[in-house]
Amino acid sequence: MNRLEPNILLAVSTGVALILLIVTASTFGEPGNVLKYVLSAAICTILFVALNGWMARLMKRPTPQPMINPTSPDTAVWAGLFPLLVMAAAIAPVFASGHDYGLLVIIASVLFGATLDSAVRANRR
């Protein structure tokens, strides 16, 4: 393999941003929510990846495709917003500390699930 798959790099960068979000939410958020953040992120990501294709078939939508398509370079720019959004969410607990950031972790884990599903689909191709 002489070239790294861009969808895998997208999933890795979004995953690192999600880990940073969990760390900052655990550090600066309400105390005692570390386990809740980790479990909700893991469960939401796994369920999204497992059920995305099934829901697409159930709703009669087209089969989901990888986010970054080599024939269309614009897709890389738009897909790059996913880690940027999760990274911006990771900054929020630093400036507004003392709140529960469970919903923010769930939203970020769904974004990570979308990039992970894209990497899996690109790898199958």
N, C-alpha and C. Protein backbone atom coordinates (compact mmCIF):
# COMPACT_ATOMS: atom_id res chain seq x y z
N MET A 1 0.85 -1.18 0.00
CA MET A 1 0.00 0.00 0.00
C MET A 1 0.89 1.24 0.00
N ASN A 2 0.87 1.96 -1.06
CA ASN A 2 1.73 3.12 -1.16
C ASN A 2 1.01 4.42 -0.82
N ARG A 3 -0.31 4.33 -0.56
CA ARG A 3 -1.08 5.54 -0.29
C ARG A 3 -2.07 5.24 0.82
N LEU A 4 -2.21 6.15 1.75
CA LEU A 4 -3.18 5.98 2.83
C LEU A 4 -4.57 6.35 2.33
N GLU A 5 -5.54 5.61 2.74
CA GLU A 5 -6.93 5.87 2.37
C GLU A 5 -7.41 7.13 3.10
N PRO A 6 -7.91 8.13 2.38
CA PRO A 6 -8.32 9.39 3.03
C PRO A 6 -9.52 9.20 3.97
N ASN A 7 -10.39 8.24 3.70
CA ASN A 7 -11.53 8.01 4.59
C ASN A 7 -11.07 7.46 5.94
N ILE A 8 -10.01 6.66 5.94
CA ILE A 8 -9.48 6.16 7.20
C ILE A 8 -8.82 7.30 7.98
N LEU A 9 -8.11 8.17 7.30
CA LEU A 9 -7.51 9.33 7.97
C LEU A 9 -8.59 10.25 8.54
N LEU A 10 -9.70 10.39 7.82
CA LEU A 10 -10.81 11.19 8.32
C LEU A 10 -11.40 10.58 9.58
N ALA A 11 -11.56 9.27 9.60
CA ALA A 11 -12.10 8.60 10.78
C ALA A 11 -11.13 8.70 11.96
N VAL A 12 -9.86 8.57 11.71
CA VAL A 12 -8.87 8.67 12.79
C VAL A 12 -8.85 10.09 13.37
N SER A 13 -8.87 11.09 12.52
CA SER A 13 -8.82 12.47 13.03
C SER A 13 -10.10 12.82 13.78
N THR A 14 -11.24 12.33 13.33
CA THR A 14 -12.49 12.58 14.06
C THR A 14 -12.50 11.81 15.37
N GLY A 15 -11.95 10.61 15.38
CA GLY A 15 -11.87 9.83 16.61
C GLY A 15 -10.97 10.49 17.65
N VAL A 16 -9.86 11.05 17.21
CA VAL A 16 -8.97 11.75 18.14
C VAL A 16 -9.68 12.99 18.71
N ALA A 17 -10.41 13.69 17.86
CA ALA A 17 -11.17 14.85 18.34
C ALA A 17 -12.26 14.43 19.32
N LEU A 18 -12.89 13.27 19.10
CA LEU A 18 -13.90 12.77 20.03
C LEU A 18 -13.26 12.41 21.37
N ILE A 19 -12.10 11.82 21.35
CA ILE A 19 -11.39 11.52 22.60
C ILE A 19 -11.06 12.81 23.34
N LEU A 20 -10.63 13.83 22.61
CA LEU A 20 -10.35 15.12 23.23
C LEU A 20 -11.61 15.71 23.84
N LEU A 21 -12.74 15.58 23.16
CA LEU A 21 -14.01 16.07 23.69
C LEU A 21 -14.37 15.35 24.98
N ILE A 22 -14.19 14.05 25.02
CA ILE A 22 -14.50 13.29 26.24
C ILE A 22 -13.58 13.73 27.38
N VAL A 23 -12.32 13.95 27.08
CA VAL A 23 -11.38 14.38 28.11
C VAL A 23 -11.74 15.77 28.64
N THR A 24 -12.01 16.71 27.75
CA THR A 24 -12.33 18.07 28.21
C THR A 24 -13.69 18.11 28.91
N ALA A 25 -14.66 17.33 28.42
CA ALA A 25 -15.97 17.31 29.08
C ALA A 25 -15.86 16.67 30.46
N SER A 26 -15.01 15.67 30.60
CA SER A 26 -14.82 15.02 31.90
C SER A 26 -14.05 15.92 32.86
N THR A 27 -13.12 16.68 32.34
CA THR A 27 -12.29 17.54 33.18
C THR A 27 -13.02 18.81 33.60
N PHE A 28 -13.68 19.46 32.65
CA PHE A 28 -14.28 20.76 32.92
C PHE A 28 -15.79 20.71 33.12
N GLY A 29 -16.42 19.57 32.84
CA GLY A 29 -17.86 19.45 33.01
C GLY A 29 -18.24 19.09 34.44
N GLU A 30 -19.49 18.64 34.60
CA GLU A 30 -19.93 18.19 35.92
C GLU A 30 -19.07 17.01 36.36
N PRO A 31 -18.72 16.95 37.63
CA PRO A 31 -17.91 15.83 38.10
C PRO A 31 -18.70 14.52 38.12
N GLY A 32 -18.00 13.43 37.86
CA GLY A 32 -18.60 12.10 37.95
C GLY A 32 -19.27 11.60 36.69
N ASN A 33 -19.05 12.24 35.56
CA ASN A 33 -19.71 11.83 34.32
C ASN A 33 -18.77 11.12 33.35
N VAL A 34 -17.60 10.75 33.77
CA VAL A 34 -16.62 10.16 32.87
C VAL A 34 -17.14 8.88 32.26
N LEU A 35 -17.67 7.99 33.08
CA LEU A 35 -18.18 6.71 32.59
C LEU A 35 -19.36 6.91 31.64
N LYS A 36 -20.22 7.85 31.97
CA LYS A 36 -21.37 8.14 31.11
C LYS A 36 -20.92 8.63 29.73
N TYR A 37 -19.92 9.49 29.70
CA TYR A 37 -19.43 10.01 28.42
C TYR A 37 -18.78 8.91 27.58
N VAL A 38 -17.98 8.09 28.22
CA VAL A 38 -17.28 7.03 27.48
C VAL A 38 -18.27 6.00 26.95
N LEU A 39 -19.20 5.58 27.81
CA LEU A 39 -20.19 4.57 27.37
C LEU A 39 -21.12 5.11 26.30
N SER A 40 -21.58 6.34 26.45
CA SER A 40 -22.49 6.89 25.44
C SER A 40 -21.78 7.07 24.10
N ALA A 41 -20.51 7.48 24.13
CA ALA A 41 -19.76 7.63 22.88
C ALA A 41 -19.56 6.27 22.21
N ALA A 42 -19.19 5.27 22.98
CA ALA A 42 -18.96 3.94 22.40
C ALA A 42 -20.25 3.33 21.87
N ILE A 43 -21.32 3.40 22.64
CA ILE A 43 -22.59 2.80 22.22
C ILE A 43 -23.16 3.50 21.00
N CYS A 44 -23.15 4.82 21.00
CA CYS A 44 -23.71 5.56 19.85
C CYS A 44 -22.90 5.32 18.58
N THR A 45 -21.59 5.26 18.69
CA THR A 45 -20.76 5.01 17.52
C THR A 45 -21.00 3.62 16.96
N ILE A 46 -21.01 2.62 17.84
CA ILE A 46 -21.23 1.24 17.39
C ILE A 46 -22.60 1.06 16.78
N LEU A 47 -23.62 1.63 17.42
CA LEU A 47 -24.98 1.50 16.87
C LEU A 47 -25.13 2.21 15.54
N PHE A 48 -24.48 3.37 15.39
CA PHE A 48 -24.58 4.07 14.11
C PHE A 48 -23.95 3.26 12.99
N VAL A 49 -22.77 2.74 13.23
CA VAL A 49 -22.08 1.96 12.19
C VAL A 49 -22.86 0.68 11.88
N ALA A 50 -23.39 0.04 12.91
CA ALA A 50 -24.09 -1.22 12.70
C ALA A 50 -25.44 -1.04 12.01
N LEU A 51 -26.13 0.05 12.29
CA LEU A 51 -27.50 0.20 11.80
C LEU A 51 -27.67 1.15 10.63
N ASN A 52 -26.61 1.82 10.18
CA ASN A 52 -26.74 2.80 9.11
C ASN A 52 -27.17 2.15 7.79
N GLY A 53 -26.53 1.08 7.41
CA GLY A 53 -26.90 0.41 6.16
C GLY A 53 -28.29 -0.19 6.22
N TRP A 54 -28.63 -0.77 7.37
CA TRP A 54 -29.95 -1.37 7.54
C TRP A 54 -31.05 -0.31 7.45
N MET A 55 -30.83 0.84 8.08
CA MET A 55 -31.83 1.92 8.01
C MET A 55 -31.94 2.48 6.60
N ALA A 56 -30.85 2.51 5.86
CA ALA A 56 -30.89 2.99 4.48
C ALA A 56 -31.76 2.06 3.64
N ARG A 57 -31.61 0.76 3.84
CA ARG A 57 -32.45 -0.19 3.10
C ARG A 57 -33.90 -0.11 3.54
N LEU A 58 -34.14 0.05 4.84
CA LEU A 58 -35.50 0.12 5.37
C LEU A 58 -36.23 1.36 4.85
N MET A 59 -35.53 2.47 4.76
CA MET A 59 -36.13 3.73 4.30
C MET A 59 -36.06 3.88 2.78
N LYS A 60 -35.53 2.85 2.11
CA LYS A 60 -35.38 2.84 0.65
C LYS A 60 -34.54 4.02 0.13
N ARG A 61 -33.50 4.33 0.89
CA ARG A 61 -32.53 5.33 0.47
C ARG A 61 -31.43 4.63 -0.31
N PRO A 62 -30.67 5.36 -1.10
CA PRO A 62 -29.53 4.73 -1.78
C PRO A 62 -28.51 4.25 -0.76
N THR A 63 -27.73 3.27 -1.15
CA THR A 63 -26.70 2.73 -0.27
C THR A 63 -25.70 3.84 0.07
N PRO A 64 -25.37 4.02 1.37
CA PRO A 64 -24.40 5.05 1.72
C PRO A 64 -23.04 4.80 1.07
N GLN A 65 -22.45 5.86 0.58
CA GLN A 65 -21.15 5.80 -0.09
C GLN A 65 -20.09 6.42 0.82
N PRO A 66 -18.81 6.14 0.55
CA PRO A 66 -17.74 6.79 1.32
C PRO A 66 -17.80 8.31 1.18
N MET A 67 -17.41 9.00 2.22
CA MET A 67 -17.50 10.47 2.21
C MET A 67 -16.52 11.11 1.24
N ILE A 68 -15.31 10.58 1.18
CA ILE A 68 -14.29 11.15 0.30
C ILE A 68 -14.18 10.29 -0.94
N ASN A 69 -14.49 10.88 -2.07
CA ASN A 69 -14.46 10.19 -3.35
C ASN A 69 -13.24 10.69 -4.13
N PRO A 70 -12.37 9.78 -4.59
CA PRO A 70 -11.16 10.23 -5.30
C PRO A 70 -11.45 10.97 -6.60
N THR A 71 -12.58 10.72 -7.21
CA THR A 71 -12.88 11.40 -8.47
C THR A 71 -13.41 12.81 -8.26
N SER A 72 -13.82 13.13 -7.05
CA SER A 72 -14.33 14.46 -6.75
C SER A 72 -13.56 15.06 -5.58
N PRO A 73 -12.61 15.94 -5.83
CA PRO A 73 -11.78 16.47 -4.75
C PRO A 73 -12.54 17.36 -3.77
N ASP A 74 -13.70 17.88 -4.17
CA ASP A 74 -14.47 18.73 -3.26
C ASP A 74 -14.96 17.96 -2.04
N THR A 75 -15.13 16.66 -2.17
CA THR A 75 -15.64 15.87 -1.05
C THR A 75 -14.67 15.87 0.13
N ALA A 76 -13.39 15.97 -0.14
CA ALA A 76 -12.41 16.00 0.95
C ALA A 76 -12.54 17.27 1.77
N VAL A 77 -12.83 18.37 1.11
CA VAL A 77 -12.99 19.64 1.82
C VAL A 77 -14.23 19.59 2.71
N TRP A 78 -15.34 19.10 2.17
CA TRP A 78 -16.57 19.03 2.95
C TRP A 78 -16.46 18.01 4.08
N ALA A 79 -15.80 16.90 3.83
CA ALA A 79 -15.64 15.89 4.88
C ALA A 79 -14.69 16.38 5.97
N GLY A 80 -13.80 17.27 5.65
CA GLY A 80 -12.89 17.83 6.64
C GLY A 80 -13.58 18.66 7.70
N LEU A 81 -14.83 19.01 7.46
CA LEU A 81 -15.58 19.76 8.46
C LEU A 81 -15.96 18.89 9.67
N PHE A 82 -16.02 17.58 9.49
CA PHE A 82 -16.41 16.69 10.59
C PHE A 82 -15.42 16.77 11.76
N PRO A 83 -14.11 16.56 11.54
CA PRO A 83 -13.20 16.71 12.68
C PRO A 83 -13.14 18.14 13.21
N LEU A 84 -13.34 19.11 12.34
CA LEU A 84 -13.33 20.50 12.77
C LEU A 84 -14.49 20.79 13.71
N LEU A 85 -15.67 20.27 13.40
CA LEU A 85 -16.83 20.46 14.27
C LEU A 85 -16.65 19.77 15.62
N VAL A 86 -16.10 18.56 15.60
CA VAL A 86 -15.88 17.85 16.85
C VAL A 86 -14.80 18.54 17.67
N MET A 87 -13.78 19.07 17.02
CA MET A 87 -12.74 19.80 17.73
C MET A 87 -13.29 21.09 18.34
N ALA A 88 -14.16 21.77 17.63
CA ALA A 88 -14.81 22.97 18.18
C ALA A 88 -15.68 22.61 19.38
N ALA A 89 -16.33 21.45 19.31
CA ALA A 89 -17.13 21.00 20.44
C ALA A 89 -16.24 20.66 21.64
N ALA A 90 -15.03 20.22 21.38
CA ALA A 90 -14.11 19.89 22.47
C ALA A 90 -13.61 21.14 23.18
N ILE A 91 -13.67 22.27 22.52
CA ILE A 91 -13.22 23.51 23.14
C ILE A 91 -14.31 24.09 24.06
N ALA A 92 -15.57 23.80 23.78
CA ALA A 92 -16.68 24.38 24.54
C ALA A 92 -16.60 24.13 26.04
N PRO A 93 -16.28 22.92 26.53
CA PRO A 93 -16.23 22.74 27.99
C PRO A 93 -15.15 23.56 28.68
N VAL A 94 -14.12 23.95 27.95
CA VAL A 94 -13.05 24.74 28.56
C VAL A 94 -13.56 26.13 28.92
N PHE A 95 -14.37 26.71 28.05
CA PHE A 95 -14.85 28.08 28.26
C PHE A 95 -16.16 28.15 29.04
N ALA A 96 -16.96 27.09 29.02
CA ALA A 96 -18.22 27.04 29.77
C ALA A 96 -18.20 25.81 30.66
N SER A 97 -17.46 25.88 31.74
CA SER A 97 -17.27 24.71 32.59
C SER A 97 -18.42 24.53 33.56
N GLY A 98 -18.52 23.30 34.06
CA GLY A 98 -19.50 22.99 35.09
C GLY A 98 -20.83 22.48 34.58
N HIS A 99 -20.97 22.21 33.31
CA HIS A 99 -22.23 21.74 32.73
C HIS A 99 -22.11 20.26 32.36
N ASP A 100 -23.25 19.67 32.05
CA ASP A 100 -23.28 18.29 31.57
C ASP A 100 -23.19 18.32 30.05
N TYR A 101 -22.20 17.67 29.49
CA TYR A 101 -21.96 17.68 28.05
C TYR A 101 -22.30 16.36 27.38
N GLY A 102 -23.26 15.64 27.93
CA GLY A 102 -23.65 14.35 27.38
C GLY A 102 -24.18 14.44 25.97
N LEU A 103 -25.04 15.42 25.70
CA LEU A 103 -25.61 15.58 24.36
C LEU A 103 -24.52 15.92 23.34
N LEU A 104 -23.58 16.74 23.74
CA LEU A 104 -22.48 17.10 22.85
C LEU A 104 -21.63 15.89 22.51
N VAL A 105 -21.43 15.01 23.49
CA VAL A 105 -20.67 13.78 23.26
C VAL A 105 -21.44 12.86 22.32
N ILE A 106 -22.75 12.77 22.47
CA ILE A 106 -23.57 11.92 21.59
C ILE A 106 -23.53 12.44 20.16
N ILE A 107 -23.67 13.75 19.99
CA ILE A 107 -23.63 14.33 18.64
C ILE A 107 -22.27 14.07 17.99
N ALA A 108 -21.21 14.27 18.75
CA ALA A 108 -19.86 14.04 18.21
C ALA A 108 -19.62 12.57 17.91
N SER A 109 -20.20 11.67 18.70
CA SER A 109 -20.01 10.25 18.43
C SER A 109 -20.79 9.82 17.19
N VAL A 110 -21.91 10.46 16.90
CA VAL A 110 -22.63 10.16 15.65
C VAL A 110 -21.80 10.66 14.46
N LEU A 111 -21.19 11.83 14.59
CA LEU A 111 -20.30 12.31 13.52
C LEU A 111 -19.12 11.36 13.32
N PHE A 112 -18.56 10.87 14.42
CA PHE A 112 -17.47 9.90 14.32
C PHE A 112 -17.97 8.60 13.71
N GLY A 113 -19.18 8.18 14.06
CA GLY A 113 -19.76 6.98 13.47
C GLY A 113 -19.93 7.11 11.96
N ALA A 114 -20.31 8.30 11.52
CA ALA A 114 -20.46 8.53 10.08
C ALA A 114 -19.12 8.41 9.36
N THR A 115 -18.06 8.96 9.97
CA THR A 115 -16.75 8.86 9.33
C THR A 115 -16.21 7.43 9.40
N LEU A 116 -16.50 6.73 10.49
CA LEU A 116 -16.05 5.35 10.61
C LEU A 116 -16.78 4.46 9.60
N ASP A 117 -18.08 4.69 9.44
CA ASP A 117 -18.84 3.94 8.44
C ASP A 117 -18.32 4.23 7.04
N SER A 118 -17.94 5.48 6.79
CA SER A 118 -17.35 5.83 5.50
C SER A 118 -16.04 5.12 5.25
N ALA A 119 -15.22 5.00 6.29
CA ALA A 119 -13.93 4.30 6.16
C ALA A 119 -14.15 2.81 5.90
N VAL A 120 -15.14 2.22 6.56
CA VAL A 120 -15.43 0.81 6.34
C VAL A 120 -15.91 0.59 4.92
N ARG A 121 -16.79 1.45 4.43
CA ARG A 121 -17.30 1.31 3.06
C ARG A 121 -16.21 1.54 2.02
N ALA A 122 -15.31 2.45 2.29
CA ALA A 122 -14.21 2.70 1.36
C ALA A 122 -13.24 1.53 1.33
N ASN A 123 -13.07 0.88 2.47
CA ASN A 123 -12.17 -0.26 2.55
C ASN A 123 -12.75 -1.46 1.80
N ARG A 124 -14.06 -1.61 1.80
CA ARG A 124 -14.72 -2.70 1.06
C ARG A 124 -14.60 -2.52 -0.44
N ARG A 125 -14.51 -1.27 -0.87
CA ARG A 125 -14.47 -0.94 -2.29
C ARG A 125 -13.16 -1.26 -2.88
